[in-house]
């Protein structure tokens, strides 16, 4: 790690950032395609909102019973805990380790953002599953519930806007 990297990490963590190691697995039937995918996978991470720094290392692929697998270790610097949570929700690492800071402190706004991110991810996950396995009438009911959720959200925004 060079001096500039250390400086960026130190400053970002001081401002509420989080440095973490994340581990991913990739499987396929062609070693070269796995390497290409893994490289693109890592590069795509830099484009994610709230991500400052990404360095990835791709293990040598191994083959077992016709399936080729590799592991990817990614050192990632996020601007905040909510940014890291959104990233983890999108990319689904099989393991992770927070390297810095020793203790996570966040504002109430960040805590709200973090919890809403988790809620949104869970809702999207349920919706995805339901759309694939539910009966047509259940999907229609779910769409109506979503419309009502949007209306309720607007009402809450209007209500909170009046308090300010």
Protein backbone atom coordinates (compact mmCIF):
# COMPACT_ATOMS: atom_id res chain seq x y z
CA UNK A 1 0.00 0.00 0.00
CA UNK A 2 1.47 3.35 -0.98
CA UNK A 3 1.38 6.58 1.02
CA UNK A 4 -1.52 8.05 -1.00
CA UNK A 5 -3.64 4.93 -0.40
CA UNK A 6 -2.93 5.11 3.32
CA UNK A 7 -3.85 8.80 3.37
CA UNK A 8 -7.15 8.26 1.52
CA UNK A 9 -8.05 5.35 3.81
CA UNK A 10 -7.16 7.27 6.97
CA UNK A 11 -9.12 10.38 5.92
CA UNK A 12 -12.17 8.43 4.72
CA UNK A 13 -12.33 6.32 7.89
CA UNK A 14 -11.96 9.49 9.99
CA UNK A 15 -15.01 10.92 8.19
CA UNK A 16 -17.14 7.81 8.86
CA UNK A 17 -15.83 5.48 6.17
CA UNK A 18 -15.33 1.74 6.50
CA UNK A 19 -12.46 -0.39 5.18
CA UNK A 20 -13.41 -4.02 4.65
CA UNK A 21 -12.26 -7.27 3.08
CA UNK A 22 -14.97 -9.05 1.13
CA UNK A 23 -14.82 -12.55 -0.33
CA UNK A 24 -16.70 -13.77 -3.38
CA UNK A 25 -16.87 -17.06 -5.25
CA UNK A 26 -17.23 -17.47 -9.01
CA UNK A 27 -18.06 -20.71 -10.79
CA UNK A 28 -18.15 -21.77 -14.43
CA UNK A 29 -16.79 -24.20 -16.99
CA UNK A 30 -14.07 -22.07 -18.64
CA UNK A 31 -11.05 -20.74 -16.70
CA UNK A 32 -10.46 -17.80 -19.03
CA UNK A 33 -14.09 -16.70 -18.93
CA UNK A 34 -14.03 -16.90 -15.13
CA UNK A 35 -10.91 -14.70 -15.04
CA UNK A 36 -12.47 -12.19 -17.47
CA UNK A 37 -15.74 -12.11 -15.52
CA UNK A 38 -13.90 -11.72 -12.21
CA UNK A 39 -11.83 -8.81 -13.52
CA UNK A 40 -14.94 -7.04 -14.83
CA UNK A 41 -16.75 -7.82 -11.59
CA UNK A 42 -14.05 -6.04 -9.57
CA UNK A 43 -13.85 -3.06 -11.94
CA UNK A 44 -17.63 -2.63 -11.78
CA UNK A 45 -17.45 -2.23 -8.02
CA UNK A 46 -15.69 1.12 -8.37
CA UNK A 47 -18.77 2.55 -10.07
CA UNK A 48 -21.00 1.85 -7.09
CA UNK A 49 -22.23 4.86 -5.11
CA UNK A 50 -20.30 5.54 -1.92
CA UNK A 51 -17.32 3.36 -2.87
CA UNK A 52 -13.99 5.17 -2.74
CA UNK A 53 -11.42 2.46 -3.32
CA UNK A 54 -11.38 -1.16 -4.51
CA UNK A 55 -8.49 -3.59 -4.91
CA UNK A 56 -9.20 -7.18 -5.83
CA UNK A 57 -7.18 -10.36 -5.98
CA UNK A 58 -8.40 -13.35 -7.98
CA UNK A 59 -7.24 -16.78 -6.82
CA UNK A 60 -6.08 -19.37 -9.31
CA UNK A 61 -9.20 -21.26 -10.48
CA UNK A 62 -9.58 -24.88 -9.38
CA UNK A 63 -11.51 -27.63 -11.15
CA UNK A 64 -13.65 -30.31 -9.57
CA UNK A 65 -16.05 -32.63 -11.41
CA UNK A 66 -16.24 -30.36 -14.45
CA UNK A 67 -16.91 -27.18 -12.47
CA UNK A 68 -14.24 -24.51 -12.27
CA UNK A 69 -14.27 -22.21 -9.25
CA UNK A 70 -12.27 -19.32 -7.94
CA UNK A 71 -12.35 -16.97 -4.98
CA UNK A 72 -11.99 -13.22 -5.14
CA UNK A 73 -10.71 -11.17 -2.23
CA UNK A 74 -11.63 -7.50 -2.41
CA UNK A 75 -10.33 -4.75 -0.16
CA UNK A 76 -12.93 -2.03 -0.31
CA UNK A 77 -13.21 1.45 1.18
CA UNK A 78 -16.76 2.76 1.56
CA UNK A 79 -17.66 6.34 2.50
CA UNK A 80 -20.04 5.13 5.21
CA UNK A 81 -21.59 2.10 6.83
CA UNK A 82 -24.84 2.62 4.84
CA UNK A 83 -22.80 2.66 1.61
CA UNK A 84 -21.13 -0.62 2.63
CA UNK A 85 -24.49 -2.19 3.50
CA UNK A 86 -25.92 -1.22 0.09
CA UNK A 87 -22.83 -2.65 -1.59
CA UNK A 88 -23.05 -5.92 0.34
CA UNK A 89 -26.75 -6.19 -0.49
CA UNK A 90 -26.03 -5.75 -4.19
CA UNK A 91 -22.95 -7.98 -4.48
CA UNK A 92 -23.62 -10.69 -1.83
CA UNK A 93 -20.13 -11.66 -0.67
CA UNK A 94 -19.91 -15.07 0.98
CA UNK A 95 -17.82 -13.58 3.78
CA UNK A 96 -16.51 -10.22 4.96
CA UNK A 97 -14.32 -8.65 7.58
CA UNK A 98 -14.31 -5.01 8.67
CA UNK A 99 -10.71 -3.86 9.00
CA UNK A 100 -11.26 -0.25 10.08
CA UNK A 101 -12.50 1.43 12.19
CA UNK A 102 -12.37 -0.51 15.43
CA UNK A 103 -15.76 0.88 16.41
CA UNK A 104 -18.61 1.96 14.12
CA UNK A 105 -20.28 5.24 15.03
CA UNK A 106 -22.93 6.79 12.85
CA UNK A 107 -25.33 9.66 12.82
CA UNK A 108 -29.05 9.12 13.22
CA UNK A 109 -29.45 9.95 9.50
CA UNK A 110 -26.94 7.21 8.59
CA UNK A 111 -28.71 4.74 10.89
CA UNK A 112 -32.01 5.54 9.16
CA UNK A 113 -30.39 5.16 5.74
CA UNK A 114 -28.85 1.85 6.74
CA UNK A 115 -32.12 0.43 8.02
CA UNK A 116 -34.07 1.66 4.99
CA UNK A 117 -31.47 0.05 2.72
CA UNK A 118 -31.95 -3.28 4.45
CA UNK A 119 -35.72 -2.90 4.28
CA UNK A 120 -35.60 -2.08 0.55
CA UNK A 121 -33.29 -5.02 -0.16
CA UNK A 122 -35.59 -7.41 1.70
CA UNK A 123 -38.64 -6.03 -0.10
CA UNK A 124 -36.94 -6.39 -3.51
CA UNK A 125 -35.89 -9.95 -2.63
CA UNK A 126 -39.42 -10.92 -1.58
CA UNK A 127 -40.86 -9.29 -4.69
CA UNK A 128 -38.43 -11.18 -6.92
CA UNK A 129 -39.37 -14.51 -5.34
CA UNK A 130 -43.09 -13.82 -5.32
CA UNK A 131 -43.15 -12.78 -8.97
CA UNK A 132 -41.62 -16.13 -9.91
CA UNK A 133 -43.60 -18.47 -7.71
CA UNK A 134 -46.83 -16.70 -6.77
CA UNK A 135 -50.20 -17.04 -8.43
CA UNK A 136 -51.27 -14.23 -10.75
CA UNK A 137 -53.82 -12.89 -8.24
CA UNK A 138 -51.14 -12.78 -5.52
CA UNK A 139 -48.86 -10.76 -7.79
CA UNK A 140 -51.70 -8.34 -8.54
CA UNK A 141 -52.41 -7.97 -4.80
CA UNK A 142 -48.72 -7.33 -4.19
CA UNK A 143 -48.71 -4.61 -6.87
CA UNK A 144 -51.67 -2.91 -5.15
CA UNK A 145 -49.86 -3.14 -1.82
CA UNK A 146 -46.82 -1.52 -3.44
CA UNK A 147 -48.99 1.31 -4.79
CA UNK A 148 -50.38 1.82 -1.29
CA UNK A 149 -46.85 1.79 0.14
CA UNK A 150 -45.89 4.55 -2.31
CA UNK A 151 -48.96 6.60 -1.30
CA UNK A 152 -48.14 6.12 2.38
CA UNK A 153 -44.56 7.16 1.73
CA UNK A 154 -45.73 10.36 0.05
CA UNK A 155 -48.03 11.08 2.99
CA UNK A 156 -45.17 10.58 5.45
CA UNK A 157 -42.90 12.87 3.43
CA UNK A 158 -45.57 15.56 3.37
CA UNK A 159 -46.18 15.11 7.09
CA UNK A 160 -42.46 15.35 7.94
CA UNK A 161 -42.11 18.37 5.65
CA UNK A 162 -44.73 20.23 7.70
CA UNK A 163 -42.71 19.71 10.89
CA UNK A 164 -39.60 21.37 9.52
